[in-house]
Amino acid sequence: MADLGADSKVDFAAHAVLHKWPSLANQRRPDRDSYQVSEGTLDECISVFMAKPAATRHLYEIRTAAQPPLVTEVLSPEHVIELSRLREFL
């Protein structure tokens, strides 16, 4: 992750939505749309995501307002895990 200077603050209270992709044999179905699982703050959505079994996390993503440079509008599972680590660090 990039250098976490003063300009790299993350607003964990920002509105966010956790989405899940339909799956077949534990693989995303690109022919289907994702659906909302949880809505709340970025912090809450990260907590809900982290409570999911590690083997299924690749089926989820978090959507929120971009907070450059650390937060994009759609957060991949890998990105959510990194933000979870950052949150614990702070």
N, C-alpha and C. Protein backbone atom coordinates (compact mmCIF):
# COMPACT_ATOMS: atom_id res chain seq x y z
N MET A 1 0.84 -1.18 0.00
CA MET A 1 0.00 0.00 0.00
C MET A 1 0.88 1.24 0.00
N ALA A 2 0.36 2.34 -0.46
CA ALA A 2 1.12 3.58 -0.57
C ALA A 2 1.47 4.14 0.81
N ASP A 3 2.38 5.12 0.81
CA ASP A 3 2.76 5.80 2.04
C ASP A 3 1.53 6.45 2.65
N LEU A 4 1.30 6.20 3.93
CA LEU A 4 0.10 6.71 4.60
C LEU A 4 0.38 8.05 5.25
N GLY A 5 0.56 9.08 4.45
CA GLY A 5 0.83 10.41 4.96
C GLY A 5 -0.46 11.09 5.39
N ALA A 6 -0.36 12.36 5.73
CA ALA A 6 -1.51 13.12 6.23
C ALA A 6 -2.62 13.22 5.20
N ASP A 7 -2.29 13.12 3.90
CA ASP A 7 -3.30 13.22 2.85
C ASP A 7 -4.01 11.90 2.58
N SER A 8 -3.65 10.85 3.29
CA SER A 8 -4.18 9.52 3.02
C SER A 8 -5.15 9.03 4.08
N LYS A 9 -5.98 9.91 4.57
CA LYS A 9 -6.95 9.52 5.59
C LYS A 9 -8.16 8.88 4.92
N VAL A 10 -8.73 7.89 5.60
CA VAL A 10 -9.91 7.21 5.09
C VAL A 10 -11.07 7.51 6.04
N ASP A 11 -12.20 7.93 5.47
CA ASP A 11 -13.40 8.18 6.25
C ASP A 11 -14.19 6.88 6.35
N PHE A 12 -13.99 6.16 7.45
CA PHE A 12 -14.67 4.89 7.64
C PHE A 12 -16.15 5.08 7.97
N ALA A 13 -16.57 6.33 8.20
CA ALA A 13 -17.98 6.63 8.46
C ALA A 13 -18.75 6.94 7.17
N ALA A 14 -18.07 6.91 6.04
CA ALA A 14 -18.71 7.18 4.75
C ALA A 14 -19.74 6.10 4.43
N HIS A 15 -20.78 6.48 3.71
CA HIS A 15 -21.83 5.54 3.30
C HIS A 15 -21.23 4.48 2.36
N ALA A 16 -21.65 3.23 2.56
CA ALA A 16 -21.16 2.13 1.72
C ALA A 16 -22.22 1.05 1.62
N VAL A 17 -22.10 0.23 0.58
CA VAL A 17 -23.02 -0.88 0.35
C VAL A 17 -22.20 -2.12 0.01
N LEU A 18 -22.48 -3.22 0.69
CA LEU A 18 -21.84 -4.49 0.40
C LEU A 18 -22.69 -5.25 -0.61
N HIS A 19 -22.07 -5.68 -1.69
CA HIS A 19 -22.75 -6.44 -2.74
C HIS A 19 -22.17 -7.84 -2.83
N LYS A 20 -23.01 -8.78 -3.25
CA LYS A 20 -22.58 -10.16 -3.49
C LYS A 20 -22.94 -10.53 -4.93
N TRP A 21 -22.03 -11.24 -5.56
CA TRP A 21 -22.27 -11.74 -6.91
C TRP A 21 -22.88 -13.13 -6.83
N PRO A 22 -23.90 -13.40 -7.62
CA PRO A 22 -24.41 -14.77 -7.71
C PRO A 22 -23.26 -15.69 -8.14
N SER A 23 -23.31 -16.93 -7.69
CA SER A 23 -22.21 -17.82 -8.03
C SER A 23 -22.72 -19.20 -8.45
N LEU A 24 -21.84 -19.90 -9.11
CA LEU A 24 -22.07 -21.29 -9.49
C LEU A 24 -20.74 -21.99 -9.24
N ALA A 25 -20.75 -23.03 -8.43
CA ALA A 25 -19.54 -23.75 -8.05
C ALA A 25 -18.51 -22.79 -7.44
N ASN A 26 -19.00 -21.86 -6.61
CA ASN A 26 -18.18 -20.88 -5.89
C ASN A 26 -17.41 -19.94 -6.82
N GLN A 27 -17.92 -19.74 -8.03
CA GLN A 27 -17.33 -18.80 -8.99
C GLN A 27 -18.38 -17.75 -9.36
N ARG A 28 -17.92 -16.50 -9.49
CA ARG A 28 -18.83 -15.42 -9.89
C ARG A 28 -19.49 -15.74 -11.21
N ARG A 29 -20.77 -15.36 -11.30
CA ARG A 29 -21.51 -15.51 -12.56
C ARG A 29 -21.54 -14.15 -13.24
N PRO A 30 -20.70 -13.93 -14.24
CA PRO A 30 -20.64 -12.62 -14.90
C PRO A 30 -21.91 -12.29 -15.67
N ASP A 31 -22.75 -13.28 -15.92
CA ASP A 31 -23.99 -13.05 -16.65
C ASP A 31 -25.11 -12.58 -15.73
N ARG A 32 -24.84 -12.43 -14.46
CA ARG A 32 -25.84 -11.98 -13.48
C ARG A 32 -25.36 -10.71 -12.79
N ASP A 33 -26.29 -9.92 -12.30
CA ASP A 33 -25.95 -8.70 -11.57
C ASP A 33 -25.75 -9.02 -10.10
N SER A 34 -24.86 -8.25 -9.47
CA SER A 34 -24.67 -8.41 -8.03
C SER A 34 -25.89 -7.85 -7.31
N TYR A 35 -26.05 -8.22 -6.05
CA TYR A 35 -27.18 -7.71 -5.27
C TYR A 35 -26.70 -7.25 -3.90
N GLN A 36 -27.45 -6.32 -3.34
CA GLN A 36 -27.10 -5.71 -2.07
C GLN A 36 -27.29 -6.68 -0.91
N VAL A 37 -26.28 -6.76 -0.04
CA VAL A 37 -26.33 -7.62 1.13
C VAL A 37 -26.46 -6.79 2.40
N SER A 38 -25.76 -5.66 2.44
CA SER A 38 -25.73 -4.82 3.63
C SER A 38 -25.48 -3.38 3.22
N GLU A 39 -26.02 -2.46 4.00
CA GLU A 39 -25.82 -1.04 3.75
C GLU A 39 -25.55 -0.35 5.07
N GLY A 40 -24.61 0.57 5.07
CA GLY A 40 -24.27 1.31 6.29
C GLY A 40 -23.02 2.12 6.05
N THR A 41 -22.17 2.19 7.05
CA THR A 41 -20.91 2.91 6.90
C THR A 41 -19.87 1.98 6.27
N LEU A 42 -18.80 2.56 5.79
CA LEU A 42 -17.70 1.76 5.25
C LEU A 42 -17.18 0.82 6.33
N ASP A 43 -17.07 1.30 7.55
CA ASP A 43 -16.62 0.48 8.68
C ASP A 43 -17.55 -0.72 8.89
N GLU A 44 -18.84 -0.49 8.88
CA GLU A 44 -19.81 -1.58 9.07
C GLU A 44 -19.73 -2.59 7.94
N CYS A 45 -19.63 -2.11 6.71
CA CYS A 45 -19.56 -3.02 5.56
C CYS A 45 -18.28 -3.84 5.59
N ILE A 46 -17.18 -3.23 6.00
CA ILE A 46 -15.93 -3.99 6.13
C ILE A 46 -16.09 -5.07 7.18
N SER A 47 -16.73 -4.76 8.30
CA SER A 47 -16.95 -5.75 9.36
C SER A 47 -17.81 -6.91 8.88
N VAL A 48 -18.89 -6.61 8.14
CA VAL A 48 -19.77 -7.66 7.61
C VAL A 48 -18.98 -8.52 6.62
N PHE A 49 -18.20 -7.87 5.75
CA PHE A 49 -17.38 -8.59 4.78
C PHE A 49 -16.40 -9.52 5.49
N MET A 50 -15.70 -9.02 6.49
CA MET A 50 -14.67 -9.81 7.19
C MET A 50 -15.28 -10.98 7.96
N ALA A 51 -16.57 -10.90 8.29
CA ALA A 51 -17.25 -11.99 8.98
C ALA A 51 -17.62 -13.13 8.03
N LYS A 52 -17.55 -12.88 6.73
CA LYS A 52 -17.86 -13.92 5.74
C LYS A 52 -16.71 -14.94 5.70
N PRO A 53 -17.01 -16.18 5.38
CA PRO A 53 -15.93 -17.18 5.26
C PRO A 53 -14.91 -16.75 4.20
N ALA A 54 -13.64 -16.92 4.52
CA ALA A 54 -12.58 -16.50 3.59
C ALA A 54 -12.75 -17.13 2.21
N ALA A 55 -13.26 -18.34 2.15
CA ALA A 55 -13.41 -19.04 0.87
C ALA A 55 -14.49 -18.44 -0.02
N THR A 56 -15.35 -17.57 0.53
CA THR A 56 -16.41 -16.96 -0.29
C THR A 56 -16.24 -15.45 -0.47
N ARG A 57 -15.24 -14.86 0.12
CA ARG A 57 -15.07 -13.40 0.06
C ARG A 57 -14.90 -12.88 -1.36
N HIS A 58 -14.38 -13.70 -2.26
CA HIS A 58 -14.18 -13.26 -3.65
C HIS A 58 -15.51 -12.98 -4.35
N LEU A 59 -16.62 -13.36 -3.75
CA LEU A 59 -17.94 -13.12 -4.34
C LEU A 59 -18.52 -11.77 -3.92
N TYR A 60 -17.80 -11.02 -3.09
CA TYR A 60 -18.32 -9.77 -2.54
C TYR A 60 -17.49 -8.57 -3.00
N GLU A 61 -18.12 -7.40 -2.96
CA GLU A 61 -17.42 -6.13 -3.18
C GLU A 61 -18.16 -5.06 -2.41
N ILE A 62 -17.45 -3.99 -2.07
CA ILE A 62 -18.06 -2.86 -1.38
C ILE A 62 -18.07 -1.68 -2.33
N ARG A 63 -19.20 -1.00 -2.39
CA ARG A 63 -19.33 0.21 -3.22
C ARG A 63 -19.51 1.41 -2.30
N THR A 64 -18.73 2.45 -2.55
CA THR A 64 -18.74 3.65 -1.72
C THR A 64 -18.24 4.81 -2.54
N ALA A 65 -18.28 6.01 -1.98
CA ALA A 65 -17.73 7.17 -2.67
C ALA A 65 -16.21 7.06 -2.66
N ALA A 66 -15.59 7.39 -3.78
CA ALA A 66 -14.13 7.33 -3.87
C ALA A 66 -13.50 8.31 -2.89
N GLN A 67 -12.41 7.87 -2.28
CA GLN A 67 -11.60 8.69 -1.39
C GLN A 67 -10.14 8.53 -1.80
N PRO A 68 -9.75 9.18 -2.90
CA PRO A 68 -8.38 9.00 -3.39
C PRO A 68 -7.35 9.37 -2.32
N PRO A 69 -6.23 8.69 -2.25
CA PRO A 69 -5.81 7.64 -3.18
C PRO A 69 -6.12 6.23 -2.71
N LEU A 70 -6.65 6.05 -1.51
CA LEU A 70 -6.77 4.70 -0.94
C LEU A 70 -8.10 3.99 -1.20
N VAL A 71 -9.16 4.74 -1.45
CA VAL A 71 -10.48 4.12 -1.58
C VAL A 71 -11.05 4.43 -2.96
N THR A 72 -11.38 3.36 -3.69
CA THR A 72 -12.02 3.52 -5.00
C THR A 72 -13.52 3.31 -4.84
N GLU A 73 -14.29 3.60 -5.89
CA GLU A 73 -15.75 3.47 -5.81
C GLU A 73 -16.20 2.02 -5.62
N VAL A 74 -15.47 1.08 -6.20
CA VAL A 74 -15.78 -0.34 -6.04
C VAL A 74 -14.54 -1.00 -5.45
N LEU A 75 -14.70 -1.56 -4.25
CA LEU A 75 -13.58 -2.17 -3.55
C LEU A 75 -13.59 -3.68 -3.74
N SER A 76 -12.52 -4.20 -4.30
CA SER A 76 -12.38 -5.64 -4.49
C SER A 76 -12.15 -6.30 -3.13
N PRO A 77 -12.34 -7.61 -3.05
CA PRO A 77 -12.08 -8.31 -1.78
C PRO A 77 -10.67 -8.05 -1.24
N GLU A 78 -9.68 -8.05 -2.11
CA GLU A 78 -8.29 -7.80 -1.68
C GLU A 78 -8.15 -6.40 -1.09
N HIS A 79 -8.80 -5.44 -1.72
CA HIS A 79 -8.76 -4.06 -1.26
C HIS A 79 -9.45 -3.93 0.10
N VAL A 80 -10.57 -4.60 0.28
CA VAL A 80 -11.31 -4.56 1.56
C VAL A 80 -10.43 -5.14 2.67
N ILE A 81 -9.73 -6.23 2.40
CA ILE A 81 -8.86 -6.83 3.40
C ILE A 81 -7.75 -5.86 3.80
N GLU A 82 -7.17 -5.16 2.82
CA GLU A 82 -6.14 -4.16 3.12
C GLU A 82 -6.70 -3.01 3.95
N LEU A 83 -7.91 -2.55 3.62
CA LEU A 83 -8.53 -1.48 4.40
C LEU A 83 -8.85 -1.95 5.81
N SER A 84 -9.21 -3.22 5.96
CA SER A 84 -9.47 -3.77 7.29
C SER A 84 -8.19 -3.74 8.12
N ARG A 85 -7.09 -4.08 7.52
CA ARG A 85 -5.79 -4.03 8.21
C ARG A 85 -5.45 -2.59 8.60
N LEU A 86 -5.67 -1.66 7.68
CA LEU A 86 -5.41 -0.25 7.95
C LEU A 86 -6.28 0.23 9.11
N ARG A 87 -7.55 -0.15 9.09
CA ARG A 87 -8.49 0.24 10.14
C ARG A 87 -8.01 -0.26 11.49
N GLU A 88 -7.53 -1.50 11.55
CA GLU A 88 -7.02 -2.06 12.80
C GLU A 88 -5.76 -1.33 13.25
N PHE A 89 -4.93 -0.93 12.29
CA PHE A 89 -3.71 -0.20 12.59
C PHE A 89 -4.00 1.16 13.19
N LEU A 90 -5.04 1.82 12.69
CA LEU A 90 -5.40 3.16 13.16
C LEU A 90 -6.14 3.07 14.47
